[in-house]
PDB file of N, CA and C in Angstrom:
ATOM      1  N   UNK A   1      72.880 120.722  98.369  1.00  0.00           N
ATOM      2  CA  UNK A   1      72.312 119.943  99.452  1.00  0.00           C
ATOM      3  C   UNK A   1      73.426 119.145 100.123  1.00  0.00           C
ATOM      4  N   UNK A   2      73.374 119.092 101.428  1.00  0.00           N
ATOM      5  CA  UNK A   2      74.381 118.403 102.226  1.00  0.00           C
ATOM      6  C   UNK A   2      74.058 116.915 102.306  1.00  0.00           C
ATOM      7  N   UNK A   3      75.069 116.052 102.142  1.00  0.00           N
ATOM      8  CA  UNK A   3      74.836 114.615 102.285  1.00  0.00           C
ATOM      9  C   UNK A   3      74.376 114.273 103.701  1.00  0.00           C
ATOM     10  N   UNK A   4      73.603 113.231 103.833  1.00  0.00           N
ATOM     11  CA  UNK A   4      73.109 112.799 105.140  1.00  0.00           C
ATOM     12  C   UNK A   4      74.274 112.439 106.055  1.00  0.00           C
ATOM     13  N   UNK A   5      74.159 112.792 107.315  1.00  0.00           N
ATOM     14  CA  UNK A   5      75.187 112.427 108.291  1.00  0.00           C
ATOM     15  C   UNK A   5      76.299 113.447 108.438  1.00  0.00           C
ATOM     16  N   UNK A   6      76.314 114.485 107.590  1.00  0.00           N
ATOM     17  CA  UNK A   6      77.352 115.512 107.690  1.00  0.00           C
ATOM     18  C   UNK A   6      76.805 116.657 108.530  1.00  0.00           C
ATOM     19  N   UNK A   7      77.500 116.976 109.624  1.00  0.00           N
ATOM     20  CA  UNK A   7      77.048 118.039 110.501  1.00  0.00           C
ATOM     21  C   UNK A   7      77.428 119.394 109.922  1.00  0.00           C
ATOM     22  N   UNK A   8      76.590 120.398 110.046  1.00  0.00           N
ATOM     23  CA  UNK A   8      76.874 121.706 109.465  1.00  0.00           C
ATOM     24  C   UNK A   8      78.154 122.347 109.974  1.00  0.00           C
ATOM     25  N   UNK A   9      78.469 122.170 111.253  1.00  0.00           N
ATOM     26  CA  UNK A   9      79.654 122.832 111.795  1.00  0.00           C
ATOM     27  C   UNK A   9      80.952 122.239 111.261  1.00  0.00           C
ATOM     28  N   UNK A  10      80.919 121.084 110.636  1.00  0.00           N
ATOM     29  CA  UNK A  10      82.119 120.472 110.091  1.00  0.00           C
ATOM     30  C   UNK A  10      82.305 120.763 108.609  1.00  0.00           C
ATOM     31  N   UNK A  11      81.409 121.542 108.013  1.00  0.00           N
ATOM     32  CA  UNK A  11      81.573 121.899 106.601  1.00  0.00           C
ATOM     33  C   UNK A  11      82.890 122.643 106.409  1.00  0.00           C
ATOM     34  N   UNK A  12      83.693 122.209 105.492  1.00  0.00           N
ATOM     35  CA  UNK A  12      84.945 122.886 105.165  1.00  0.00           C
ATOM     36  C   UNK A  12      86.096 122.566 106.088  1.00  0.00           C
ATOM     37  N   UNK A  13      85.891 121.758 107.106  1.00  0.00           N
ATOM     38  CA  UNK A  13      86.985 121.383 108.009  1.00  0.00           C
ATOM     39  C   UNK A  13      87.532 120.038 107.553  1.00  0.00           C
ATOM     40  N   UNK A  14      88.834 119.981 107.379  1.00  0.00           N
ATOM     41  CA  UNK A  14      89.457 118.731 106.961  1.00  0.00           C
ATOM     42  C   UNK A  14      89.586 117.792 108.152  1.00  0.00           C
ATOM     43  N   UNK A  15      89.820 116.539 107.852  1.00  0.00           N
ATOM     44  CA  UNK A  15      90.015 115.549 108.918  1.00  0.00           C
ATOM     45  C   UNK A  15      91.213 115.925 109.783  1.00  0.00           C
ATOM     46  N   UNK A  16      92.279 116.408 109.136  1.00  0.00           N
ATOM     47  CA  UNK A  16      93.481 116.804 109.875  1.00  0.00           C
ATOM     48  C   UNK A  16      93.175 117.978 110.812  1.00  0.00           C
ATOM     49  N   UNK A  17      92.388 118.928 110.333  1.00  0.00           N
ATOM     50  CA  UNK A  17      92.005 120.070 111.159  1.00  0.00           C
ATOM     51  C   UNK A  17      91.157 119.657 112.341  1.00  0.00           C
ATOM     52  N   UNK A  18      90.260 118.713 112.112  1.00  0.00           N
ATOM     53  CA  UNK A  18      89.416 118.205 113.193  1.00  0.00           C
ATOM     54  C   UNK A  18      90.251 117.442 114.214  1.00  0.00           C
ATOM     55  N   UNK A  19      91.221 116.659 113.756  1.00  0.00           N
ATOM     56  CA  UNK A  19      92.099 115.939 114.672  1.00  0.00           C
ATOM     57  C   UNK A  19      92.938 116.902 115.502  1.00  0.00           C
ATOM     58  N   UNK A  20      93.414 117.995 114.878  1.00  0.00           N
ATOM     59  CA  UNK A  20      94.194 118.993 115.607  1.00  0.00           C
ATOM     60  C   UNK A  20      93.329 119.663 116.672  1.00  0.00           C
ATOM     61  N   UNK A  21      92.079 119.969 116.326  1.00  0.00           N
ATOM     62  CA  UNK A  21      91.157 120.566 117.298  1.00  0.00           C
ATOM     63  C   UNK A  21      90.931 119.617 118.467  1.00  0.00           C
ATOM     64  N   UNK A  22      90.707 118.341 118.181  1.00  0.00           N
ATOM     65  CA  UNK A  22      90.469 117.355 119.239  1.00  0.00           C
ATOM     66  C   UNK A  22      91.699 117.191 120.130  1.00  0.00           C
ATOM     67  N   UNK A  23      92.890 117.237 119.541  1.00  0.00           N
ATOM     68  CA  UNK A  23      94.113 117.128 120.343  1.00  0.00           C
ATOM     69  C   UNK A  23      94.263 118.344 121.249  1.00  0.00           C
ATOM     70  N   UNK A  24      94.003 119.548 120.714  1.00  0.00           N
ATOM     71  CA  UNK A  24      94.058 120.767 121.534  1.00  0.00           C
ATOM     72  C   UNK A  24      93.057 120.687 122.687  1.00  0.00           C
ATOM     73  N   UNK A  25      91.867 120.200 122.386  1.00  0.00           N
ATOM     74  CA  UNK A  25      90.814 120.080 123.392  1.00  0.00           C
ATOM     75  C   UNK A  25      91.229 119.096 124.490  1.00  0.00           C
ATOM     76  N   UNK A  26      91.823 117.962 124.090  1.00  0.00           N
ATOM     77  CA  UNK A  26      92.259 116.959 125.067  1.00  0.00           C
ATOM     78  C   UNK A  26      93.357 117.512 125.974  1.00  0.00           C
ATOM     79  N   UNK A  27      94.290 118.266 125.413  1.00  0.00           N
ATOM     80  CA  UNK A  27      95.373 118.849 126.219  1.00  0.00           C
ATOM     81  C   UNK A  27      94.817 119.913 127.160  1.00  0.00           C
ATOM     82  N   UNK A  28      93.863 120.707 126.666  1.00  0.00           N
ATOM     83  CA  UNK A  28      93.219 121.720 127.503  1.00  0.00           C
ATOM     84  C   UNK A  28      92.524 121.059 128.699  1.00  0.00           C
ATOM     85  N   UNK A  29      91.811 119.974 128.447  1.00  0.00           N
ATOM     86  CA  UNK A  29      91.128 119.258 129.523  1.00  0.00           C
ATOM     87  C   UNK A  29      92.124 118.591 130.472  1.00  0.00           C
ATOM     88  N   UNK A  30      93.210 118.021 129.914  1.00  0.00           N
ATOM     89  CA  UNK A  30      94.235 117.389 130.754  1.00  0.00           C
ATOM     90  C   UNK A  30      94.823 118.399 131.736  1.00  0.00           C
ATOM     91  N   UNK A  31      95.074 119.626 131.249  1.00  0.00           N
ATOM     92  CA  UNK A  31      95.662 120.673 132.090  1.00  0.00           C
ATOM     93  C   UNK A  31      94.606 121.457 132.864  1.00  0.00           C
ATOM     94  N   UNK A  32      93.351 121.033 132.755  1.00  0.00           N
ATOM     95  CA  UNK A  32      92.215 121.627 133.475  1.00  0.00           C
ATOM     96  C   UNK A  32      92.031 123.114 133.177  1.00  0.00           C
ATOM     97  N   UNK A  33      92.446 123.540 131.991  1.00  0.00           N
ATOM     98  CA  UNK A  33      92.266 124.937 131.596  1.00  0.00           C
ATOM     99  C   UNK A  33      93.139 125.913 132.349  1.00  0.00           C
ATOM    100  N   UNK A  34      94.216 125.412 132.959  1.00  0.00           N
ATOM    101  CA  UNK A  34      95.123 126.267 133.714  1.00  0.00           C
ATOM    102  C   UNK A  34      96.423 126.459 132.947  1.00  0.00           C
ATOM    103  N   UNK A  35      96.892 127.695 132.914  1.00  0.00           N
ATOM    104  CA  UNK A  35      98.198 127.986 132.326  1.00  0.00           C
ATOM    105  C   UNK A  35      99.246 127.271 133.176  1.00  0.00           C
ATOM    106  N   UNK A  36     100.111 126.501 132.550  1.00  0.00           N
ATOM    107  CA  UNK A  36     101.093 125.720 133.290  1.00  0.00           C
ATOM    108  C   UNK A  36     102.283 126.550 133.764  1.00  0.00           C
ATOM    109  N   UNK A  37     102.353 127.822 133.362  1.00  0.00           N
ATOM    110  CA  UNK A  37     103.423 128.695 133.839  1.00  0.00           C
ATOM    111  C   UNK A  37     102.985 129.480 135.077  1.00  0.00           C
ATOM    112  N   UNK A  38     101.776 130.082 135.021  1.00  0.00           N
ATOM    113  CA  UNK A  38     101.326 130.922 136.142  1.00  0.00           C
ATOM    114  C   UNK A  38     100.178 130.302 136.925  1.00  0.00           C
ATOM    115  N   UNK A  39      99.648 129.153 136.457  1.00  0.00           N
ATOM    116  CA  UNK A  39      98.564 128.418 137.105  1.00  0.00           C
ATOM    117  C   UNK A  39      97.270 129.227 137.233  1.00  0.00           C
ATOM    118  N   UNK A  40      97.059 130.187 136.327  1.00  0.00           N
ATOM    119  CA  UNK A  40      95.803 130.933 136.282  1.00  0.00           C
ATOM    120  C   UNK A  40      94.939 130.355 135.170  1.00  0.00           C
ATOM    121  N   UNK A  41      93.648 130.533 135.302  1.00  0.00           N
ATOM    122  CA  UNK A  41      92.699 130.014 134.326  1.00  0.00           C
ATOM    123  C   UNK A  41      92.876 130.701 132.966  1.00  0.00           C
ATOM    124  N   UNK A  42      92.719 129.906 131.890  1.00  0.00           N
ATOM    125  CA  UNK A  42      92.819 130.421 130.526  1.00  0.00           C
ATOM    126  C   UNK A  42      91.570 129.971 129.772  1.00  0.00           C
ATOM    127  N   UNK A  43      90.921 130.893 129.075  1.00  0.00           N
ATOM    128  CA  UNK A  43      89.754 130.536 128.274  1.00  0.00           C
ATOM    129  C   UNK A  43      90.195 129.665 127.101  1.00  0.00           C
ATOM    130  N   UNK A  44      89.318 128.757 126.683  1.00  0.00           N
ATOM    131  CA  UNK A  44      89.652 127.859 125.576  1.00  0.00           C
ATOM    132  C   UNK A  44      89.991 128.647 124.317  1.00  0.00           C
ATOM    133  N   UNK A  45      89.322 129.767 124.102  1.00  0.00           N
ATOM    134  CA  UNK A  45      89.563 130.559 122.897  1.00  0.00           C
ATOM    135  C   UNK A  45      90.843 131.383 122.970  1.00  0.00           C
ATOM    136  N   UNK A  46      91.457 131.493 124.156  1.00  0.00           N
ATOM    137  CA  UNK A  46      92.624 132.361 124.328  1.00  0.00           C
ATOM    138  C   UNK A  46      93.936 131.646 124.597  1.00  0.00           C
ATOM    139  N   UNK A  47      93.935 130.326 124.728  1.00  0.00           N
ATOM    140  CA  UNK A  47      95.178 129.663 125.120  1.00  0.00           C
ATOM    141  C   UNK A  47      96.038 129.291 123.914  1.00  0.00           C
ATOM    142  N   UNK A  48      97.312 129.081 124.191  1.00  0.00           N
ATOM    143  CA  UNK A  48      98.247 128.553 123.197  1.00  0.00           C
ATOM    144  C   UNK A  48      98.779 127.229 123.713  1.00  0.00           C
ATOM    145  N   UNK A  49      99.143 126.359 122.780  1.00  0.00           N
ATOM    146  CA  UNK A  49      99.871 125.149 123.157  1.00  0.00           C
ATOM    147  C   UNK A  49     101.349 125.495 123.144  1.00  0.00           C
ATOM    148  N   UNK A  50     101.970 125.410 124.289  1.00  0.00           N
ATOM    149  CA  UNK A  50     103.394 125.716 124.398  1.00  0.00           C
ATOM    150  C   UNK A  50     104.179 124.412 124.373  1.00  0.00           C
ATOM    151  N   UNK A  51     105.229 124.379 123.562  1.00  0.00           N
ATOM    152  CA  UNK A  51     106.118 123.220 123.551  1.00  0.00           C
ATOM    153  C   UNK A  51     107.067 123.340 124.731  1.00  0.00           C
ATOM    154  N   UNK A  52     107.177 122.279 125.508  1.00  0.00           N
ATOM    155  CA  UNK A  52     108.128 122.271 126.621  1.00  0.00           C
ATOM    156  C   UNK A  52     109.553 122.192 126.061  1.00  0.00           C
ATOM    157  N   UNK A  53     109.767 121.317 125.091  1.00  0.00           N
ATOM    158  CA  UNK A  53     111.018 121.298 124.328  1.00  0.00           C
ATOM    159  C   UNK A  53     110.647 121.947 122.996  1.00  0.00           C
ATOM    160  N   UNK A  54     111.256 123.067 122.691  1.00  0.00           N
ATOM    161  CA  UNK A  54     110.850 123.894 121.555  1.00  0.00           C
ATOM    162  C   UNK A  54     110.854 123.126 120.233  1.00  0.00           C
ATOM    163  N   UNK A  55     109.957 123.523 119.357  1.00  0.00           N
ATOM    164  CA  UNK A  55     109.824 122.919 118.032  1.00  0.00           C
ATOM    165  C   UNK A  55     110.810 123.587 117.075  1.00  0.00           C
ATOM    166  N   UNK A  56     112.064 123.146 117.127  1.00  0.00           N
ATOM    167  CA  UNK A  56     113.109 123.680 116.248  1.00  0.00           C
ATOM    168  C   UNK A  56     113.768 122.533 115.493  1.00  0.00           C
ATOM    169  N   UNK A  57     114.459 122.864 114.418  1.00  0.00           N
ATOM    170  CA  UNK A  57     115.173 121.829 113.657  1.00  0.00           C
ATOM    171  C   UNK A  57     116.218 121.135 114.524  1.00  0.00           C
ATOM    172  N   UNK A  58     116.931 121.923 115.320  1.00  0.00           N
ATOM    173  CA  UNK A  58     117.968 121.346 116.182  1.00  0.00           C
ATOM    174  C   UNK A  58     117.363 120.364 117.195  1.00  0.00           C
ATOM    175  N   UNK A  59     116.240 120.732 117.793  1.00  0.00           N
ATOM    176  CA  UNK A  59     115.608 119.830 118.760  1.00  0.00           C
ATOM    177  C   UNK A  59     115.007 118.606 118.086  1.00  0.00           C
ATOM    178  N   UNK A  60     114.512 118.757 116.864  1.00  0.00           N
ATOM    179  CA  UNK A  60     113.999 117.594 116.138  1.00  0.00           C
ATOM    180  C   UNK A  60     115.138 116.618 115.822  1.00  0.00           C
ATOM    181  N   UNK A  61     116.326 117.151 115.503  1.00  0.00           N
ATOM    182  CA  UNK A  61     117.480 116.275 115.259  1.00  0.00           C
ATOM    183  C   UNK A  61     117.930 115.616 116.561  1.00  0.00           C
ATOM    184  N   UNK A  62     117.959 116.389 117.634  1.00  0.00           N
ATOM    185  CA  UNK A  62     118.474 115.874 118.908  1.00  0.00           C
ATOM    186  C   UNK A  62     117.516 114.882 119.574  1.00  0.00           C
ATOM    187  N   UNK A  63     116.230 115.249 119.677  1.00  0.00           N
ATOM    188  CA  UNK A  63     115.276 114.434 120.415  1.00  0.00           C
ATOM    189  C   UNK A  63     114.390 113.567 119.538  1.00  0.00           C
ATOM    190  N   UNK A  64     114.193 113.969 118.294  1.00  0.00           N
ATOM    191  CA  UNK A  64     113.319 113.236 117.382  1.00  0.00           C
ATOM    192  C   UNK A  64     111.944 113.881 117.278  1.00  0.00           C
ATOM    193  N   UNK A  65     111.342 113.773 116.110  1.00  0.00           N
ATOM    194  CA  UNK A  65     110.023 114.363 115.888  1.00  0.00           C
ATOM    195  C   UNK A  65     108.966 113.723 116.776  1.00  0.00           C
ATOM    196  N   UNK A  66     109.138 112.446 117.092  1.00  0.00           N
ATOM    197  CA  UNK A  66     108.148 111.762 117.924  1.00  0.00           C
ATOM    198  C   UNK A  66     108.093 112.352 119.329  1.00  0.00           C
ATOM    199  N   UNK A  67     109.179 112.961 119.802  1.00  0.00           N
ATOM    200  CA  UNK A  67     109.172 113.637 121.098  1.00  0.00           C
ATOM    201  C   UNK A  67     108.556 115.028 120.958  1.00  0.00           C
ATOM    202  N   UNK A  68     109.005 115.774 119.956  1.00  0.00           N
ATOM    203  CA  UNK A  68     108.547 117.154 119.776  1.00  0.00           C
ATOM    204  C   UNK A  68     107.041 117.202 119.522  1.00  0.00           C
ATOM    205  N   UNK A  69     106.509 116.243 118.766  1.00  0.00           N
ATOM    206  CA  UNK A  69     105.093 116.239 118.410  1.00  0.00           C
ATOM    207  C   UNK A  69     104.205 115.523 119.423  1.00  0.00           C
ATOM    208  N   UNK A  70     104.773 114.932 120.459  1.00  0.00           N
ATOM    209  CA  UNK A  70     103.989 114.176 121.432  1.00  0.00           C
ATOM    210  C   UNK A  70     103.169 115.124 122.310  1.00  0.00           C
ATOM    211  N   UNK A  71     101.924 114.753 122.634  1.00  0.00           N
ATOM    212  CA  UNK A  71     101.085 115.614 123.482  1.00  0.00           C
ATOM    213  C   UNK A  71     101.692 115.933 124.852  1.00  0.00           C
ATOM    214  N   UNK A  72     102.496 115.051 125.410  1.00  0.00           N
ATOM    215  CA  UNK A  72     103.130 115.342 126.707  1.00  0.00           C
ATOM    216  C   UNK A  72     104.174 116.456 126.600  1.00  0.00           C
ATOM    217  N   UNK A  73     104.607 116.769 125.385  1.00  0.00           N
ATOM    218  CA  UNK A  73     105.569 117.852 125.192  1.00  0.00           C
ATOM    219  C   UNK A  73     104.869 119.200 125.053  1.00  0.00           C
ATOM    220  N   UNK A  74     103.563 119.222 125.130  1.00  0.00           N
ATOM    221  CA  UNK A  74     102.837 120.481 125.021  1.00  0.00           C
ATOM    222  C   UNK A  74     102.033 120.728 126.284  1.00  0.00           C
ATOM    223  N   UNK A  75     101.755 122.001 126.533  1.00  0.00           N
ATOM    224  CA  UNK A  75     100.941 122.367 127.683  1.00  0.00           C
ATOM    225  C   UNK A  75     100.161 123.630 127.370  1.00  0.00           C
ATOM    226  N   UNK A  76      99.153 123.897 128.177  1.00  0.00           N
ATOM    227  CA  UNK A  76      98.328 125.088 128.039  1.00  0.00           C
ATOM    228  C   UNK A  76      99.099 126.273 128.612  1.00  0.00           C
ATOM    229  N   UNK A  77      99.075 127.392 127.883  1.00  0.00           N
ATOM    230  CA  UNK A  77      99.758 128.598 128.357  1.00  0.00           C
ATOM    231  C   UNK A  77      99.068 129.845 127.814  1.00  0.00           C
ATOM    232  N   UNK A  78      99.220 130.935 128.564  1.00  0.00           N
ATOM    233  CA  UNK A  78      98.808 132.233 128.035  1.00  0.00           C
ATOM    234  C   UNK A  78      99.746 132.602 126.890  1.00  0.00           C
ATOM    235  N   UNK A  79      99.322 133.494 126.064  1.00  0.00           N
ATOM    236  CA  UNK A  79     100.161 133.954 124.961  1.00  0.00           C
ATOM    237  C   UNK A  79     101.332 134.773 125.510  1.00  0.00           C
ATOM    238  N   UNK A  80     102.473 134.708 124.835  1.00  0.00           N
ATOM    239  CA  UNK A  80     103.612 135.553 125.182  1.00  0.00           C
ATOM    240  C   UNK A  80     104.486 135.002 126.282  1.00  0.00           C
ATOM    241  N   UNK A  81     104.598 135.769 127.376  1.00  0.00           N
ATOM    242  CA  UNK A  81     105.569 135.462 128.423  1.00  0.00           C
ATOM    243  C   UNK A  81     105.347 134.092 129.062  1.00  0.00           C
ATOM    244  N   UNK A  82     104.096 133.718 129.300  1.00  0.00           N
ATOM    245  CA  UNK A  82     103.835 132.404 129.903  1.00  0.00           C
ATOM    246  C   UNK A  82     104.237 131.283 128.950  1.00  0.00           C
ATOM    247  N   UNK A  83     104.019 131.494 127.650  1.00  0.00           N
ATOM    248  CA  UNK A  83     104.410 130.495 126.664  1.00  0.00           C
ATOM    249  C   UNK A  83     105.925 130.286 126.718  1.00  0.00           C
ATOM    250  N   UNK A  84     106.671 131.377 126.789  1.00  0.00           N
ATOM    251  CA  UNK A  84     108.127 131.285 126.864  1.00  0.00           C
ATOM    252  C   UNK A  84     108.587 130.600 128.155  1.00  0.00           C
ATOM    253  N   UNK A  85     107.856 130.815 129.251  1.00  0.00           N
ATOM    254  CA  UNK A  85     108.237 130.241 130.542  1.00  0.00           C
ATOM    255  C   UNK A  85     108.088 128.720 130.569  1.00  0.00           C
ATOM    256  N   UNK A  86     107.276 128.173 129.666  1.00  0.00           N
ATOM    257  CA  UNK A  86     107.065 126.717 129.635  1.00  0.00           C
ATOM    258  C   UNK A  86     108.231 125.971 128.990  1.00  0.00           C
ATOM    259  N   UNK A  87     109.103 126.684 128.299  1.00  0.00           N
ATOM    260  CA  UNK A  87     110.217 126.061 127.579  1.00  0.00           C
ATOM    261  C   UNK A  87     111.271 125.559 128.565  1.00  0.00           C
ATOM    262  N   UNK A  88     111.552 124.252 128.533  1.00  0.00           N
ATOM    263  CA  UNK A  88     112.568 123.667 129.422  1.00  0.00           C
ATOM    264  C   UNK A  88     113.851 123.341 128.661  1.00  0.00           C
ATOM    265  N   UNK A  89     113.980 123.868 127.457  1.00  0.00           N
ATOM    266  CA  UNK A  89     115.122 123.545 126.598  1.00  0.00           C
ATOM    267  C   UNK A  89     116.477 123.851 127.192  1.00  0.00           C
ATOM    268  N   UNK A  90     116.562 124.823 128.083  1.00  0.00           N
ATOM    269  CA  UNK A  90     117.838 125.183 128.686  1.00  0.00           C
ATOM    270  C   UNK A  90     118.189 124.347 129.906  1.00  0.00           C
ATOM    271  N   UNK A  91     117.339 123.375 130.224  1.00  0.00           N
ATOM    272  CA  UNK A  91     117.578 122.523 131.392  1.00  0.00           C
ATOM    273  C   UNK A  91     117.656 121.066 130.931  1.00  0.00           C
ATOM    274  N   UNK A  92     118.854 120.587 130.624  1.00  0.00           N
ATOM    275  CA  UNK A  92     119.011 119.233 130.074  1.00  0.00           C
ATOM    276  C   UNK A  92     118.411 118.130 130.944  1.00  0.00           C
ATOM    277  N   UNK A  93     118.498 118.240 132.253  1.00  0.00           N
ATOM    278  CA  UNK A  93     117.946 117.200 133.123  1.00  0.00           C
ATOM    279  C   UNK A  93     116.421 117.145 132.998  1.00  0.00           C
ATOM    280  N   UNK A  94     115.784 118.303 132.892  1.00  0.00           N
ATOM    281  CA  UNK A  94     114.326 118.350 132.729  1.00  0.00           C
ATOM    282  C   UNK A  94     113.923 117.778 131.375  1.00  0.00           C
ATOM    283  N   UNK A  95     114.705 118.093 130.348  1.00  0.00           N
ATOM    284  CA  UNK A  95     114.435 117.547 129.007  1.00  0.00           C
ATOM    285  C   UNK A  95     114.537 116.024 129.026  1.00  0.00           C
ATOM    286  N   UNK A  96     115.587 115.509 129.631  1.00  0.00           N
ATOM    287  CA  UNK A  96     115.786 114.054 129.685  1.00  0.00           C
ATOM    288  C   UNK A  96     114.654 113.377 130.457  1.00  0.00           C
ATOM    289  N   UNK A  97     114.199 113.998 131.544  1.00  0.00           N
ATOM    290  CA  UNK A  97     113.092 113.422 132.321  1.00  0.00           C
ATOM    291  C   UNK A  97     111.808 113.400 131.501  1.00  0.00           C
ATOM    292  N   UNK A  98     111.546 114.470 130.751  1.00  0.00           N
ATOM    293  CA  UNK A  98     110.352 114.516 129.904  1.00  0.00           C
ATOM    294  C   UNK A  98     110.430 113.471 128.805  1.00  0.00           C
ATOM    295  N   UNK A  99     111.590 113.305 128.207  1.00  0.00           N
ATOM    296  CA  UNK A  99     111.754 112.298 127.147  1.00  0.00           C
ATOM    297  C   UNK A  99     111.503 110.899 127.719  1.00  0.00           C
ATOM    298  N   UNK A 100     111.993 110.620 128.916  1.00  0.00           N
ATOM    299  CA  UNK A 100     111.743 109.314 129.548  1.00  0.00           C
ATOM    300  C   UNK A 100     110.252 109.101 129.806  1.00  0.00           C
ATOM    301  N   UNK A 101     109.565 110.162 130.227  1.00  0.00           N
ATOM    302  CA  UNK A 101     108.124 110.088 130.461  1.00  0.00           C
ATOM    303  C   UNK A 101     107.385 109.795 129.144  1.00  0.00           C
ATOM    304  N   UNK A 102     107.820 110.435 128.068  1.00  0.00           N
ATOM    305  CA  UNK A 102     107.203 110.220 126.752  1.00  0.00           C
ATOM    306  C   UNK A 102     107.467 108.794 126.276  1.00  0.00           C
ATOM    307  N   UNK A 103     108.700 108.302 126.483  1.00  0.00           N
ATOM    308  CA  UNK A 103     109.025 106.922 126.099  1.00  0.00           C
ATOM    309  C   UNK A 103     108.140 105.930 126.841  1.00  0.00           C
ATOM    310  N   UNK A 104     107.939 106.157 128.136  1.00  0.00           N
ATOM    311  CA  UNK A 104     107.102 105.260 128.935  1.00  0.00           C
ATOM    312  C   UNK A 104     105.656 105.288 128.439  1.00  0.00           C
ATOM    313  N   UNK A 105     105.144 106.472 128.150  1.00  0.00           N
ATOM    314  CA  UNK A 105     103.769 106.597 127.655  1.00  0.00           C
ATOM    315  C   UNK A 105     103.624 105.926 126.300  1.00  0.00           C
ATOM    316  N   UNK A 106     104.643 106.083 125.475  1.00  0.00           N
ATOM    317  CA  UNK A 106     104.606 105.487 124.139  1.00  0.00           C
ATOM    318  C   UNK A 106     104.639 103.962 124.213  1.00  0.00           C
ATOM    319  N   UNK A 107     105.469 103.405 125.100  1.00  0.00           N
ATOM    320  CA  UNK A 107     105.541 101.946 125.212  1.00  0.00           C
ATOM    321  C   UNK A 107     104.251 101.383 125.819  1.00  0.00           C
ATOM    322  N   UNK A 108     103.626 102.118 126.763  1.00  0.00           N
ATOM    323  CA  UNK A 108     102.331 101.691 127.304  1.00  0.00           C
ATOM    324  C   UNK A 108     101.271 101.669 126.204  1.00  0.00           C
ATOM    325  N   UNK A 109     101.253 102.697 125.365  1.00  0.00           N
ATOM    326  CA  UNK A 109     100.272 102.767 124.279  1.00  0.00           C
ATOM    327  C   UNK A 109     100.482 101.626 123.288  1.00  0.00           C
ATOM    328  N   UNK A 110     101.743 101.318 122.971  1.00  0.00           N
ATOM    329  CA  UNK A 110     102.030 100.213 122.050  1.00  0.00           C
ATOM    330  C   UNK A 110     101.615  98.876 122.659  1.00  0.00           C
ATOM    331  N   UNK A 111     101.851  98.702 123.964  1.00  0.00           N
ATOM    332  CA  UNK A 111     101.460  97.454 124.628  1.00  0.00           C
ATOM    333  C   UNK A 111      99.942  97.304 124.653  1.00  0.00           C
ATOM    334  N   UNK A 112      99.231  98.400 124.929  1.00  0.00           N
ATOM    335  CA  UNK A 112      97.769  98.355 124.925  1.00  0.00           C
ATOM    336  C   UNK A 112      97.231  98.033 123.535  1.00  0.00           C
ATOM    337  N   UNK A 113      97.866  98.634 122.525  1.00  0.00           N
ATOM    338  CA  UNK A 113      97.434  98.381 121.142  1.00  0.00           C
ATOM    339  C   UNK A 113      97.662  96.912 120.780  1.00  0.00           C
ATOM    340  N   UNK A 114      98.807  96.376 121.164  1.00  0.00           N
ATOM    341  CA  UNK A 114      99.097  94.978 120.879  1.00  0.00           C
ATOM    342  C   UNK A 114      98.130  94.068 121.635  1.00  0.00           C
ATOM    343  N   UNK A 115      97.848  94.401 122.890  1.00  0.00           N
ATOM    344  CA  UNK A 115      96.929  93.607 123.696  1.00  0.00           C
ATOM    345  C   UNK A 115      95.530  93.613 123.087  1.00  0.00           C
ATOM    346  N   UNK A 116      95.062  94.779 122.637  1.00  0.00           N
ATOM    347  CA  UNK A 116      93.719  94.852 122.052  1.00  0.00           C
ATOM    348  C   UNK A 116      93.657  94.109 120.724  1.00  0.00           C
ATOM    349  N   UNK A 117      94.742  94.114 119.951  1.00  0.00           N
ATOM    350  CA  UNK A 117      94.734  93.379 118.685  1.00  0.00           C
ATOM    351  C   UNK A 117      94.762  91.872 118.940  1.00  0.00           C
ATOM    352  N   UNK A 118      95.406  91.438 120.026  1.00  0.00           N
ATOM    353  CA  UNK A 118      95.405  90.015 120.387  1.00  0.00           C
ATOM    354  C   UNK A 118      94.015  89.584 120.826  1.00  0.00           C
ATOM    355  N   UNK A 119      93.300  90.452 121.550  1.00  0.00           N
ATOM    356  CA  UNK A 119      91.933  90.145 121.974  1.00  0.00           C
ATOM    357  C   UNK A 119      91.008  89.987 120.778  1.00  0.00           C
ATOM    358  N   UNK A 120      91.188  90.823 119.770  1.00  0.00           N
ATOM    359  CA  UNK A 120      90.345  90.737 118.582  1.00  0.00           C
ATOM    360  C   UNK A 120      90.604  89.436 117.825  1.00  0.00           C
ATOM    361  N   UNK A 121      91.858  89.006 117.838  1.00  0.00           N
ATOM    362  CA  UNK A 121      92.212  87.778 117.129  1.00  0.00           C
ATOM    363  C   UNK A 121      91.732  86.526 117.832  1.00  0.00           C
ATOM    364  N   UNK A 122      91.499  86.599 119.149  1.00  0.00           N
ATOM    365  CA  UNK A 122      91.112  85.415 119.898  1.00  0.00           C
ATOM    366  C   UNK A 122      89.696  84.952 119.567  1.00  0.00           C
ATOM    367  N   UNK A 123      88.872  85.811 118.989  1.00  0.00           N
ATOM    368  CA  UNK A 123      87.505  85.403 118.649  1.00  0.00           C
ATOM    369  C   UNK A 123      87.493  84.408 117.488  1.00  0.00           C
ATOM    370  N   UNK A 124      88.608  84.280 116.787  1.00  0.00           N
ATOM    371  CA  UNK A 124      88.667  83.339 115.665  1.00  0.00           C
ATOM    372  C   UNK A 124      89.214  81.975 116.068  1.00  0.00           C
ATOM    373  N   UNK A 125      89.633  81.826 117.315  1.00  0.00           N
ATOM    374  CA  UNK A 125      90.205  80.553 117.760  1.00  0.00           C
ATOM    375  C   UNK A 125      89.126  79.549 118.070  1.00  0.00           C
TER     376      UNK A 125
END
């Protein structure tokens, strides 16, 4: 018997797996279901997340895991050739611009988190 509050479709799915699904879904919606290489529609069941800066050991050393794993470093792409076309690793200026964009997004998120934690603390004053 299933415990109360557990949905059947989540049986056997770990929290990490569910978070990965939600992240894929958010990126798909952000890109409006369009392949970022050819700008054609891609079905949710058929798309791949393409890393703009490739997920390699060398890139993790150079840029850091926080850049490689950031959602802004991924995009919706068709399998194969379109996925390869999304890679900007051979263009240092494009890589640097993306890293700056990720840094800005990260600092905004940290500021929002700090602001919301300050708001929660003000109820005790």
